[in-house]
Protein backbone atom coordinates (compact mmCIF):
# COMPACT_ATOMS: atom_id res chain seq x y z
CA UNK A 1 27.47 55.51 24.61
CA UNK A 2 27.61 51.82 25.55
CA UNK A 3 27.32 52.66 29.26
CA UNK A 4 24.35 54.89 28.52
CA UNK A 5 22.59 52.08 26.65
CA UNK A 6 23.17 49.64 29.52
CA UNK A 7 21.83 52.16 32.02
CA UNK A 8 18.78 52.89 29.91
CA UNK A 9 18.13 49.17 29.41
CA UNK A 10 18.28 48.54 33.14
CA UNK A 11 16.01 51.51 33.80
CA UNK A 12 13.54 50.29 31.20
CA UNK A 13 13.41 46.85 32.74
CA UNK A 14 12.93 48.35 36.21
CA UNK A 15 10.09 50.59 35.11
CA UNK A 16 8.47 47.75 33.16
CA UNK A 17 8.70 45.54 36.25
CA UNK A 18 7.10 48.24 38.41
CA UNK A 19 4.38 48.71 35.83
CA UNK A 20 3.58 45.00 35.80
CA UNK A 21 3.55 44.95 39.60
CA UNK A 22 1.15 47.91 39.76
CA UNK A 23 -1.03 46.28 37.14
CA UNK A 24 -1.08 43.00 39.12
CA UNK A 25 -2.07 44.84 42.31
CA UNK A 26 -4.83 46.69 40.48
CA UNK A 27 -6.20 43.47 38.94
CA UNK A 28 -6.10 41.76 42.37
CA UNK A 29 -7.98 44.63 44.02
CA UNK A 30 -10.51 44.68 41.19
CA UNK A 31 -11.09 40.93 41.64
CA UNK A 32 -11.57 41.40 45.38
CA UNK A 33 -14.07 44.17 44.71
CA UNK A 34 -16.07 42.09 42.21
CA UNK A 35 -16.12 38.97 44.42
CA UNK A 36 -16.48 40.99 47.65
CA UNK A 37 -13.90 38.64 49.16
CA UNK A 38 -10.39 39.53 50.22
CA UNK A 39 -9.21 35.90 50.23
CA UNK A 40 -9.86 34.11 46.94
CA UNK A 41 -6.78 31.98 46.41
CA UNK A 42 -4.28 30.11 48.55
CA UNK A 43 -1.58 32.56 47.49
CA UNK A 44 -3.59 35.48 48.88
CA UNK A 45 -3.10 34.42 52.52
CA UNK A 46 -2.37 30.72 53.21
CA UNK A 47 -2.87 30.99 56.99
CA UNK A 48 -6.14 32.91 56.72
CA UNK A 49 -7.41 30.56 54.03
CA UNK A 50 -6.83 27.57 56.32
CA UNK A 51 -8.77 29.27 59.10
CA UNK A 52 -11.49 30.15 56.60
CA UNK A 53 -11.84 26.53 55.47
CA UNK A 54 -12.06 25.36 59.09
CA UNK A 55 -14.72 27.96 59.83
CA UNK A 56 -16.81 26.96 56.81
CA UNK A 57 -16.45 23.29 57.76
CA UNK A 58 -17.73 24.09 61.26
CA UNK A 59 -20.68 25.97 59.80
CA UNK A 60 -21.49 23.05 57.51
CA UNK A 61 -21.54 20.65 60.49
CA UNK A 62 -23.68 23.04 62.54
CA UNK A 63 -26.14 23.37 59.66
CA UNK A 64 -26.45 19.56 59.47
CA UNK A 65 -27.01 19.37 63.24
CA UNK A 66 -29.68 22.06 63.08
CA UNK A 67 -31.52 20.09 60.41
CA UNK A 68 -31.33 16.97 62.60
CA UNK A 69 -32.65 18.96 65.56
CA UNK A 70 -35.59 20.22 63.50
CA UNK A 71 -36.47 16.76 62.15
CA UNK A 72 -36.12 15.11 65.57
CA UNK A 73 -38.20 17.79 67.26
CA UNK A 74 -41.01 17.39 64.73
CA UNK A 75 -40.98 13.60 65.22
CA UNK A 76 -41.06 13.93 69.01
CA UNK A 77 -43.93 16.41 68.74
CA UNK A 78 -45.85 13.83 66.75
CA UNK A 79 -45.09 11.15 69.36
CA UNK A 80 -46.12 13.44 72.22
CA UNK A 81 -49.43 14.43 70.61
CA UNK A 82 -50.16 10.81 69.64
CA UNK A 83 -49.64 9.60 73.22
CA UNK A 84 -51.86 12.41 74.45
CA UNK A 85 -54.67 11.05 72.26
CA UNK A 86 -54.00 7.53 73.51
CA UNK A 87 -54.41 8.72 77.08
CA UNK A 88 -57.74 10.32 76.20
CA UNK A 89 -58.96 6.97 74.91
CA UNK A 90 -57.67 5.21 78.02
CA UNK A 91 -59.37 7.78 80.21
CA UNK A 92 -62.64 7.16 78.38
CA UNK A 93 -62.18 3.40 78.79
CA UNK A 94 -61.58 3.92 82.51
CA UNK A 95 -64.78 5.99 82.78
CA UNK A 96 -66.76 3.29 81.00
CA UNK A 97 -65.21 0.57 83.17
CA UNK A 98 -66.19 2.53 86.29
CA UNK A 99 -69.72 2.78 84.96
CA UNK A 100 -69.78 -0.94 84.10
CA UNK A 101 -68.50 -1.92 87.57
CA UNK A 102 -71.95 -1.09 88.98
CA UNK A 103 -73.73 -4.43 89.28
CA UNK A 104 -77.05 -2.69 88.74
CA UNK A 105 -76.15 -2.78 85.05
CA UNK A 106 -77.45 -5.87 83.34
CA UNK A 107 -75.79 -7.98 80.65
CA UNK A 108 -77.20 -5.78 77.87
CA UNK A 109 -75.76 -2.61 79.41
CA UNK A 110 -72.42 -4.32 79.96
CA UNK A 111 -72.40 -5.45 76.33
CA UNK A 112 -73.14 -1.92 75.09
CA UNK A 113 -70.32 -0.54 77.25
CA UNK A 114 -68.00 -3.26 75.91
CA UNK A 115 -68.81 -2.21 72.32
CA UNK A 116 -67.79 1.38 73.05
CA UNK A 117 -64.63 0.27 74.85
CA UNK A 118 -63.72 -1.90 71.84
CA UNK A 119 -63.99 1.12 69.54
CA UNK A 120 -61.65 3.07 71.82
CA UNK A 121 -59.21 0.13 71.79
CA UNK A 122 -59.26 0.04 67.98
CA UNK A 123 -58.39 3.73 67.97
CA UNK A 124 -55.52 3.12 70.41
CA UNK A 125 -54.09 0.42 68.12
CA UNK A 126 -54.42 2.77 65.12
CA UNK A 127 -52.57 5.49 67.06
CA UNK A 128 -49.89 2.97 68.09
CA UNK A 129 -49.28 2.37 64.36
CA UNK A 130 -48.77 6.07 63.66
CA UNK A 131 -46.26 6.80 60.91
CA UNK A 132 -44.18 9.97 60.54
CA UNK A 133 -41.92 10.89 57.62
CA UNK A 134 -42.02 7.31 56.33
CA UNK A 135 -41.18 5.64 59.66
CA UNK A 136 -43.35 4.09 62.36
CA UNK A 137 -43.00 5.95 65.64
CA UNK A 138 -43.46 3.08 68.06
CA UNK A 139 -41.82 0.08 66.40
CA UNK A 140 -38.40 0.71 67.93
CA UNK A 141 -35.61 -0.01 65.44
CA UNK A 142 -38.03 -1.75 63.02
CA UNK A 143 -39.11 1.60 61.58
CA UNK A 144 -40.46 0.06 58.35
CA UNK A 145 -42.67 -2.49 60.13
CA UNK A 146 -46.08 -1.59 61.62
CA UNK A 147 -45.77 -2.04 65.40
CA UNK A 148 -49.05 -3.93 65.71
CA UNK A 149 -50.75 -6.61 63.66
CA UNK A 150 -54.32 -7.61 64.48
CA UNK A 151 -55.80 -11.01 63.73
CA UNK A 152 -59.16 -11.74 65.30
CA UNK A 153 -58.78 -11.23 69.03
CA UNK A 154 -54.99 -11.10 68.75
CA UNK A 155 -53.06 -7.83 68.75
CA UNK A 156 -49.38 -8.69 68.39
CA UNK A 157 -46.39 -6.38 68.69
CA UNK A 158 -43.91 -6.69 65.78
CA UNK A 159 -41.27 -4.13 66.62
CA UNK A 160 -38.10 -4.34 68.70
CA UNK A 161 -38.30 -4.53 72.48
CA UNK A 162 -36.27 -3.00 75.31
CA UNK A 163 -34.61 -6.39 75.73
CA UNK A 164 -33.24 -6.13 72.18
CA UNK A 165 -31.27 -3.05 73.25
CA UNK A 166 -31.88 -1.46 69.85
CA UNK A 167 -32.69 2.24 69.55
CA UNK A 168 -33.06 4.79 66.79
CA UNK A 169 -30.74 7.65 67.72
CA UNK A 170 -30.09 10.91 65.90
CA UNK A 171 -26.92 12.91 66.49
CA UNK A 172 -27.90 16.51 67.21
CA UNK A 173 -24.55 18.00 68.24
CA UNK A 174 -20.92 17.03 68.72
CA UNK A 175 -21.00 14.00 71.02
CA UNK A 176 -24.73 14.25 71.73
CA UNK A 177 -27.59 12.13 70.33
CA UNK A 178 -31.25 11.61 71.14
CA UNK A 179 -33.66 8.64 70.95
CA UNK A 180 -36.55 9.40 68.58
CA UNK A 181 -38.29 5.99 68.38
CA UNK A 182 -39.76 4.12 71.33
CA UNK A 183 -40.48 0.40 71.64
CA UNK A 184 -44.26 0.17 71.54
CA UNK A 185 -44.63 -2.93 73.68
CA UNK A 186 -43.33 -0.93 76.67
CA UNK A 187 -46.03 1.68 76.09
CA UNK A 188 -49.04 -0.26 74.85
CA UNK A 189 -48.34 -3.94 75.58
CA UNK A 190 -49.96 -6.68 73.47
CA UNK A 191 -52.45 -9.56 73.57
CA UNK A 192 -52.34 -12.91 71.75
CA UNK A 193 -52.75 -16.66 72.10
CA UNK A 194 -49.52 -18.52 71.34
CA UNK A 195 -49.15 -21.84 69.48
CA UNK A 196 -49.50 -23.75 72.74
CA UNK A 197 -52.82 -22.11 73.48
CA UNK A 198 -51.45 -19.89 76.24
CA UNK A 199 -52.76 -16.33 76.45
CA UNK A 200 -50.11 -13.61 76.53
CA UNK A 201 -51.58 -10.40 77.93
CA UNK A 202 -49.42 -7.32 78.60
CA UNK A 203 -49.87 -3.58 79.13
CA UNK A 204 -52.85 -1.43 78.23
CA UNK A 205 -53.86 -3.48 75.19
CA UNK A 206 -53.79 -6.72 77.17
CA UNK A 207 -55.71 -5.25 80.11
CA UNK A 208 -58.41 -3.75 77.89
CA UNK A 209 -58.76 -7.07 76.08
CA UNK A 210 -59.26 -8.78 79.45
CA UNK A 211 -61.79 -6.11 80.45
CA UNK A 212 -63.78 -6.79 77.28
CA UNK A 213 -63.83 -10.50 78.05
CA UNK A 214 -65.07 -9.81 81.61
CA UNK A 215 -67.87 -7.56 80.35
CA UNK A 216 -69.00 -10.04 77.70
CA UNK A 217 -68.95 -13.12 79.91
CA UNK A 218 -72.30 -14.52 80.98
CA UNK A 219 -72.90 -13.15 83.50
CA UNK A 220 -70.45 -10.18 83.40
CA UNK A 221 -67.58 -10.61 85.87
CA UNK A 222 -68.03 -7.41 87.88
CA UNK A 223 -65.32 -8.29 90.40
CA UNK A 224 -62.72 -8.50 87.65
CA UNK A 225 -64.02 -5.28 86.11
CA UNK A 226 -63.56 -3.45 89.42
CA UNK A 227 -60.09 -4.94 89.80
CA UNK A 228 -59.16 -3.54 86.38
CA UNK A 229 -59.84 0.08 87.41
CA UNK A 230 -56.54 0.52 89.27
CA UNK A 231 -54.68 -1.39 86.56
CA UNK A 232 -56.05 0.93 83.86
CA UNK A 233 -54.93 3.98 85.85
CA UNK A 234 -51.40 2.53 85.98
CA UNK A 235 -51.56 2.03 82.21
CA UNK A 236 -52.48 5.69 81.82
CA UNK A 237 -49.58 6.68 84.09
CA UNK A 238 -47.26 4.59 81.94
CA UNK A 239 -48.39 6.33 78.74
CA UNK A 240 -48.02 9.68 80.52
CA UNK A 241 -44.44 8.74 81.41
CA UNK A 242 -43.52 8.26 77.74
CA UNK A 243 -45.45 11.39 76.79
CA UNK A 244 -43.44 13.37 79.37
CA UNK A 245 -40.25 11.72 78.14
CA UNK A 246 -40.94 13.03 74.63
CA UNK A 247 -41.61 16.51 76.04
CA UNK A 248 -38.35 16.44 78.01
CA UNK A 249 -36.45 15.46 74.87
CA UNK A 250 -38.09 18.34 73.01
CA UNK A 251 -36.93 20.77 75.71
CA UNK A 252 -33.40 19.40 75.43
CA UNK A 253 -33.53 19.86 71.65
CA UNK A 254 -34.63 23.48 72.09
CA UNK A 255 -31.58 24.15 74.27
CA UNK A 256 -29.35 22.36 71.76
CA UNK A 257 -30.83 24.47 68.95
CA UNK A 258 -30.03 27.69 70.85
CA UNK A 259 -26.45 26.55 71.44
CA UNK A 260 -25.98 25.57 67.78
CA UNK A 261 -27.36 28.89 66.58
CA UNK A 262 -24.93 30.72 68.88
CA UNK A 263 -22.03 28.62 67.58
CA UNK A 264 -23.13 29.30 64.01
CA UNK A 265 -23.12 33.06 64.61
CA UNK A 266 -19.59 32.87 66.06
CA UNK A 267 -18.34 30.77 63.16
CA UNK A 268 -19.92 33.11 60.61
CA UNK A 269 -18.42 36.14 62.35
CA UNK A 270 -14.98 34.54 62.08
CA UNK A 271 -15.62 33.69 58.43
CA UNK A 272 -16.69 37.24 57.68
CA UNK A 273 -13.61 38.68 59.43
CA UNK A 274 -11.32 36.53 57.32
CA UNK A 275 -13.15 36.52 54.01
CA UNK A 276 -15.43 39.51 53.51
CA UNK A 277 -13.86 42.49 51.80
CA UNK A 278 -14.20 46.10 52.97
CA UNK A 279 -15.53 47.54 49.71
CA UNK A 280 -14.99 51.18 50.72
CA UNK A 281 -11.37 50.47 51.63
CA UNK A 282 -10.78 48.45 48.45
CA UNK A 283 -12.36 51.17 46.27
CA UNK A 284 -9.96 53.68 47.80
CA UNK A 285 -6.99 51.40 47.21
CA UNK A 286 -8.13 50.75 43.63
CA UNK A 287 -8.24 54.48 42.94
CA UNK A 288 -4.74 54.91 44.33
CA UNK A 289 -3.47 51.88 42.42
CA UNK A 290 -5.04 53.15 39.22
CA UNK A 291 -3.12 56.42 39.57
CA UNK A 292 0.07 54.47 40.28
CA UNK A 293 -0.49 52.28 37.22
CA UNK A 294 -1.15 55.29 35.00
CA UNK A 295 2.01 56.96 36.31
CA UNK A 296 4.01 53.79 35.64
CA UNK A 297 2.68 53.56 32.11
CA UNK A 298 3.44 57.20 31.43
CA UNK A 299 6.95 56.85 32.87
CA UNK A 300 7.50 53.68 30.86
CA UNK A 301 6.48 55.46 27.66
CA UNK A 302 8.85 58.38 28.30
CA UNK A 303 11.82 56.16 29.14
CA UNK A 304 11.31 53.89 26.15
CA UNK A 305 11.14 56.93 23.84
CA UNK A 306 14.34 58.32 25.37
CA UNK A 307 16.08 54.97 25.07
CA UNK A 308 15.13 54.71 21.42
CA UNK A 309 16.57 58.17 20.72
CA UNK A 310 19.82 57.25 22.46
CA UNK A 311 20.06 54.09 20.44
CA UNK A 312 19.59 56.00 17.18
CA UNK A 313 22.35 58.51 18.03
């Protein structure tokens, strides 16, 4: 009888262990089905979970890069459209200067033309101080400072210059960044009288200021006006260069966006392969495991009843 009790005790423990194991498998499958994920804990599959974490980390980086690409592209679009408007004003100034270069125009006509040119120059300065998303587009690294300050005849640049070697760059992919802010003095120039009384005249703003002075002199200096025509065309070409530069950067961003989207799809495919559960397969396994659990419970009940009878004998 003692041997029988030992055997029954061992059998009971074995069946109970199998029952607990079947129950654990059923609970695990049920959890996978409810979460729709086949990897939920480190113990599920340590190697797969590591790959899953790496894949999600890659996707997080790609998402951040895509946001940077979108923001940078929008800023460059604003720069490109702003410079296009500047060139329209410069073209109008050039047309008016060509008209004024005719010496048949008297001082009154030259003065009227100068008034219209001055309005176009004011618009150029306003455009040069364009702000996007809280930052000035053409102040270089001094994004919180208006590029140009006007005081009487003076129009002074306040941003960083090319000589400062400071640029606002945005990282748009692994190891790749793009310049989104230009130094305005390289595009528009400036005009002011320094403390020593010397006139500093540079770029489009400086040349237009000089043109205004020539038209308003008495008598108008037509020779200087004619000399300014070629200079103004070079100023337009310079603005066009920076406008084209913005467009080229936008094209590069579009290619970068396509590459990032492709990388994101690959990373998400890997994530899905590792993480996403096959619900049809799991439902089938759950049904099988449920039968196995029920069988274990029934077997456990029968054995325990038999063991109790043996003990009572």
